Amino acid sequence: MCVKLWAQSKAKKSQVRIVLTNHKGGVGKSTLAASIAVTSATLGYKTLAVDLDIQGHSTALCGVPPVDLEYTSLHVLLGDCSLDDAIVESPHSENLFVLGNALTAERLARLLETEQSKRDLRLKMALDSTDFDVVVIDCQPELNTRAVNGVVASTYVVCPVMLEPMALVGLSSVRTFVRNLEKQIDMVVLVFVDERLRLSRLIRQELQLLEHEKLCSVTIPRSVRVPELSWKGIPPALVPEKHPVCEAYYEASKVILDDAFKKGC
């Protein structure tokens, strides 16, 4: 089913743009973004990973050291360089390309907030002329101009949620933010799940009642394996055979891609 949907989308030359957003940090958003990007590339789709977070985590996970970047996504948003000038190739796959970010771009991030002319549409306008099959956008854990650019440019919105007491409140805030941009949350992914904790089970049940149709069928378990791979610049989905959590990232990525292509057809 997945292959059929993706083949149809590719034949139509429609570009799927998946944005991951949550105003809360530490929910594994960058890890999931890099996993979706590398999964898409591994499956043969020309993929661009866009990092709007100056921490550069998804950039590093895509195999590109942030310190080596000459230009970042913020240079593109500010018009300091073209998209082609800023895109670099990833060593993980010949189909994966990266529009990265780095802490060195912090000054540019502040400058972008002062810009006025079409600042919320700049990423969308830059992507409109590209020929990528899939674009995966990783937003900073703040509801700022970069997050607005990411959501506005997207065709599919993913919100990773960690099972904790404030999860429902945080999800509600993201939903309001996305709706104000005339979009909707298309998929909620439960991350760092620990079924041994009663509180986690209760929150999961509550989310299943509220978000049943939007909950990803694959959950991401909590594991020390992910930080170990991240330290090496390897997204879990790149090595699904190494550990059950890596397989979970890979399978969740496929579910998201399948649904994103289906909605884009």
Protein backbone atom coordinates (compact mmCIF):
# COMPACT_ATOMS: atom_id res chain seq x y z
CA MET A 1 0.00 0.00 0.00
CA CYS A 2 2.78 2.45 0.94
CA VAL A 3 4.71 1.81 -2.27
CA LYS A 4 1.60 2.34 -4.36
CA LEU A 5 0.77 5.66 -2.70
CA TRP A 6 4.33 6.93 -2.96
CA ALA A 7 4.57 5.88 -6.60
CA GLN A 8 1.39 7.80 -7.41
CA SER A 9 2.65 10.90 -5.63
CA LYS A 10 6.00 10.76 -7.37
CA ALA A 11 4.34 10.36 -10.74
CA LYS A 12 2.30 13.50 -10.09
CA LYS A 13 5.45 15.41 -9.09
CA SER A 14 3.74 16.67 -5.94
CA GLN A 15 6.10 17.66 -3.17
CA VAL A 16 5.31 16.44 0.33
CA ARG A 17 6.52 18.79 3.05
CA ILE A 18 6.44 17.37 6.57
CA VAL A 19 7.00 19.76 9.47
CA LEU A 20 7.68 18.66 13.04
CA THR A 21 6.71 21.19 15.66
CA ASN A 22 6.19 21.39 19.40
CA HIS A 23 6.93 24.38 21.60
CA LYS A 24 8.32 22.01 24.24
CA GLY A 25 11.94 20.91 23.93
CA GLY A 26 13.28 17.47 24.74
CA VAL A 27 10.55 15.48 22.95
CA GLY A 28 12.86 13.94 20.37
CA LYS A 29 11.59 16.14 17.56
CA SER A 30 14.95 16.45 15.81
CA THR A 31 15.62 12.72 16.11
CA LEU A 32 12.26 11.91 14.55
CA ALA A 33 12.75 14.54 11.82
CA ALA A 34 16.13 13.10 10.84
CA SER A 35 14.67 9.58 10.95
CA ILE A 36 11.83 10.52 8.59
CA ALA A 37 14.28 12.21 6.22
CA VAL A 38 16.73 9.30 6.11
CA THR A 39 13.89 6.77 5.75
CA SER A 40 12.49 8.70 2.80
CA ALA A 41 15.93 8.86 1.18
CA THR A 42 16.58 5.18 1.80
CA LEU A 43 13.33 4.35 0.06
CA GLY A 44 14.56 6.16 -3.04
CA TYR A 45 13.01 9.61 -2.72
CA LYS A 46 14.98 12.76 -3.28
CA THR A 47 14.73 14.30 0.16
CA LEU A 48 15.64 17.64 1.72
CA ALA A 49 16.04 17.93 5.49
CA VAL A 50 15.48 21.52 6.63
CA ASP A 51 16.76 22.47 10.09
CA LEU A 52 15.24 25.68 11.50
CA ASP A 53 16.65 25.05 14.99
CA ILE A 54 19.96 26.81 15.67
CA GLN A 55 20.98 23.93 17.94
CA GLY A 56 21.55 22.01 14.71
CA HIS A 57 20.63 18.59 16.10
CA SER A 58 18.85 17.30 13.00
CA THR A 59 21.68 18.71 10.86
CA ALA A 60 24.19 16.63 12.82
CA LEU A 61 21.95 13.55 12.73
CA CYS A 62 21.82 13.84 8.95
CA GLY A 63 25.61 13.44 8.98
CA VAL A 64 26.52 17.11 8.49
CA PRO A 65 28.62 18.78 11.24
CA PRO A 66 26.94 22.16 11.93
CA VAL A 67 30.34 23.82 12.45
CA ASP A 68 31.25 23.04 8.82
CA LEU A 69 28.32 24.97 7.36
CA GLU A 70 29.10 28.08 5.34
CA TYR A 71 25.43 29.01 5.04
CA THR A 72 22.42 28.02 7.16
CA SER A 73 18.67 27.97 6.70
CA LEU A 74 18.60 31.40 8.32
CA HIS A 75 20.85 32.82 5.61
CA VAL A 76 18.25 31.62 3.10
CA LEU A 77 15.31 33.09 5.05
CA LEU A 78 17.08 36.44 5.28
CA GLY A 79 17.98 36.41 1.58
CA ASP A 80 21.73 36.38 2.24
CA CYS A 81 22.20 33.40 -0.09
CA SER A 82 20.21 31.18 -2.42
CA LEU A 83 18.73 27.85 -1.40
CA ASP A 84 21.12 26.06 -3.79
CA ASP A 85 24.11 27.72 -2.15
CA ALA A 86 23.08 26.54 1.31
CA ILE A 87 22.12 22.92 0.56
CA VAL A 88 24.75 20.26 1.24
CA GLU A 89 24.81 16.52 0.59
CA SER A 90 24.41 14.01 3.38
CA PRO A 91 26.81 11.07 3.69
CA HIS A 92 23.92 8.85 4.81
CA SER A 93 22.33 8.58 1.35
CA GLU A 94 22.82 9.88 -2.16
CA ASN A 95 19.15 10.91 -2.05
CA LEU A 96 19.45 12.99 1.12
CA PHE A 97 20.29 16.69 1.13
CA VAL A 98 20.47 19.09 4.06
CA LEU A 99 19.61 22.74 4.60
CA GLY A 100 21.27 22.92 7.98
CA ASN A 101 21.57 25.21 10.96
CA ALA A 102 24.11 26.00 13.67
CA LEU A 103 24.55 27.96 16.88
CA THR A 104 26.68 30.43 14.93
CA ALA A 105 23.44 31.65 13.31
CA GLU A 106 21.97 32.94 16.58
CA ARG A 107 22.46 36.57 15.51
CA LEU A 108 20.57 35.85 12.28
CA ALA A 109 17.72 34.29 14.27
CA ARG A 110 17.31 37.52 16.23
CA LEU A 111 17.51 39.55 13.03
CA LEU A 112 14.79 37.47 11.36
CA GLU A 113 12.36 38.39 14.14
CA THR A 114 12.71 42.07 13.18
CA GLU A 115 12.07 41.49 9.48
CA GLN A 116 8.66 42.45 8.13
CA SER A 117 8.36 41.89 4.38
CA LYS A 118 6.85 38.43 3.67
CA ARG A 119 8.90 36.95 6.50
CA ASP A 120 6.38 34.18 7.19
CA LEU A 121 6.39 32.97 3.56
CA ARG A 122 10.11 32.91 2.87
CA LEU A 123 10.70 29.19 3.32
CA LYS A 124 7.63 28.31 1.26
CA MET A 125 8.74 30.60 -1.56
CA ALA A 126 12.25 29.13 -1.51
CA LEU A 127 10.91 25.54 -1.67
CA ASP A 128 8.32 26.19 -4.38
CA SER A 129 10.94 26.06 -7.13
CA THR A 130 12.68 22.85 -5.97
CA ASP A 131 12.30 19.33 -7.34
CA PHE A 132 12.54 17.34 -4.10
CA ASP A 133 10.02 14.56 -3.58
CA VAL A 134 10.02 15.03 0.20
CA VAL A 135 10.98 17.93 2.45
CA VAL A 136 11.25 17.34 6.20
CA ILE A 137 11.30 20.49 8.33
CA ASP A 138 12.55 20.51 11.93
CA CYS A 139 11.36 23.55 13.90
CA GLN A 140 12.87 25.10 17.01
CA PRO A 141 10.90 24.39 20.23
CA GLU A 142 9.47 27.91 20.19
CA LEU A 143 6.43 29.33 18.45
CA ASN A 144 8.43 32.02 16.64
CA THR A 145 8.95 33.26 13.08
CA ARG A 146 10.97 30.18 12.12
CA ALA A 147 8.19 27.90 13.37
CA VAL A 148 5.66 29.96 11.42
CA ASN A 149 7.81 29.58 8.28
CA GLY A 150 8.00 25.83 8.79
CA VAL A 151 4.27 25.33 9.31
CA VAL A 152 3.24 27.69 6.50
CA ALA A 153 5.58 25.90 4.08
CA SER A 154 4.31 22.45 5.04
CA THR A 155 1.67 20.15 3.63
CA TYR A 156 1.67 17.85 6.67
CA VAL A 157 2.12 18.66 10.38
CA VAL A 158 3.56 16.19 12.91
CA CYS A 159 3.61 16.81 16.66
CA PRO A 160 5.76 14.49 18.82
CA VAL A 161 4.35 14.20 22.35
CA MET A 162 6.01 12.83 25.46
CA LEU A 163 3.77 11.11 28.00
CA GLU A 164 3.89 13.53 30.92
CA PRO A 165 1.30 15.47 32.97
CA MET A 166 1.47 18.63 30.81
CA ALA A 167 1.30 16.75 27.51
CA LEU A 168 -2.37 17.57 26.87
CA VAL A 169 -1.87 21.26 27.65
CA GLY A 170 1.16 21.47 25.37
CA LEU A 171 -0.66 19.70 22.56
CA SER A 172 -3.54 22.13 22.87
CA SER A 173 -1.15 25.10 22.53
CA VAL A 174 0.43 23.63 19.40
CA ARG A 175 -3.00 22.91 17.92
CA THR A 176 -4.06 26.54 18.43
CA PHE A 177 -0.80 27.81 16.91
CA VAL A 178 -1.19 25.59 13.84
CA ARG A 179 -4.88 26.46 13.38
CA ASN A 180 -4.06 30.16 13.44
CA LEU A 181 -1.90 29.46 10.38
CA GLU A 182 -4.84 27.69 8.69
CA LYS A 183 -3.26 24.25 9.11
CA GLN A 184 -4.02 21.26 11.30
CA ILE A 185 -2.04 18.64 13.18
CA ASP A 186 -2.06 15.60 10.91
CA MET A 187 -0.22 13.14 13.13
CA VAL A 188 0.58 12.90 16.85
CA VAL A 189 3.52 10.62 17.66
CA LEU A 190 3.99 9.32 21.19
CA VAL A 191 7.69 9.33 22.11
CA PHE A 192 9.79 7.99 24.99
CA VAL A 193 6.98 5.65 25.99
CA ASP A 194 7.53 3.57 29.12
CA GLU A 195 4.61 1.20 29.65
CA ARG A 196 5.89 0.31 33.12
CA LEU A 197 4.80 3.72 34.43
CA ARG A 198 1.15 3.93 35.45
CA LEU A 199 1.06 7.68 34.78
CA SER A 200 2.28 7.12 31.23
CA ARG A 201 -0.43 4.56 30.62
CA LEU A 202 -3.12 6.93 31.95
CA ILE A 203 -1.97 9.85 29.79
CA ARG A 204 -1.76 7.58 26.76
CA GLN A 205 -5.34 6.43 27.32
CA GLU A 206 -6.46 10.05 27.55
CA LEU A 207 -4.67 10.94 24.31
CA GLN A 208 -6.20 7.92 22.57
CA LEU A 209 -9.66 9.21 23.47
CA LEU A 210 -8.93 12.75 22.28
CA GLU A 211 -6.67 12.09 19.28
CA HIS A 212 -7.65 8.58 18.17
CA GLU A 213 -7.64 9.23 14.43
CA LYS A 214 -4.42 11.25 14.53
CA LEU A 215 -2.30 9.03 16.77
CA CYS A 216 0.54 7.26 14.98
CA SER A 217 0.07 3.50 15.15
CA VAL A 218 3.75 3.11 16.08
CA THR A 219 5.05 4.50 19.37
CA ILE A 220 8.67 5.31 20.21
CA PRO A 221 9.87 3.55 23.38
CA ARG A 222 12.29 5.11 25.81
CA SER A 223 15.82 3.79 25.31
CA VAL A 224 19.43 4.73 26.08
CA ARG A 225 20.32 3.54 22.59
CA VAL A 226 19.07 6.75 20.96
CA PRO A 227 21.47 9.16 22.74
CA GLU A 228 24.34 6.80 21.93
CA LEU A 229 23.51 6.91 18.22
CA SER A 230 22.90 10.66 18.30
CA TRP A 231 26.38 11.16 19.71
CA LYS A 232 27.71 9.43 16.59
CA GLY A 233 25.51 11.47 14.25
CA ILE A 234 23.33 8.51 13.30
CA PRO A 235 19.52 8.75 13.20
CA PRO A 236 17.91 5.58 14.66
CA ALA A 237 15.93 4.84 11.48
CA LEU A 238 19.18 4.46 9.53
CA VAL A 239 19.96 1.24 11.41
CA PRO A 240 16.57 -0.38 12.14
CA GLU A 241 18.17 -3.80 12.57
CA LYS A 242 20.36 -2.65 15.47
CA HIS A 243 17.75 -2.25 18.19
CA PRO A 244 13.94 -2.36 18.69
CA VAL A 245 13.85 1.42 19.26
CA CYS A 246 15.63 1.95 15.92
CA GLU A 247 13.06 -0.25 14.23
CA ALA A 248 10.31 1.79 15.92
CA TYR A 249 11.70 5.03 14.48
CA TYR A 250 11.91 3.43 11.04
CA GLU A 251 8.37 2.05 11.16
CA ALA A 252 6.93 5.29 12.55
CA SER A 253 8.68 7.21 9.77
CA LYS A 254 7.10 4.95 7.15
CA VAL A 255 3.65 5.43 8.68
CA ILE A 256 4.08 9.21 8.62
CA LEU A 257 5.38 9.22 5.05
CA ASP A 258 2.58 6.98 3.86
CA ASP A 259 -0.10 9.18 5.43
CA ALA A 260 1.57 12.38 4.19
CA PHE A 261 1.69 11.11 0.62
CA LYS A 262 -1.87 9.83 0.86
CA LYS A 263 -3.15 13.25 1.94
CA GLY A 264 -1.08 14.94 -0.74
CA CYS A 265 -2.53 12.84 -3.58
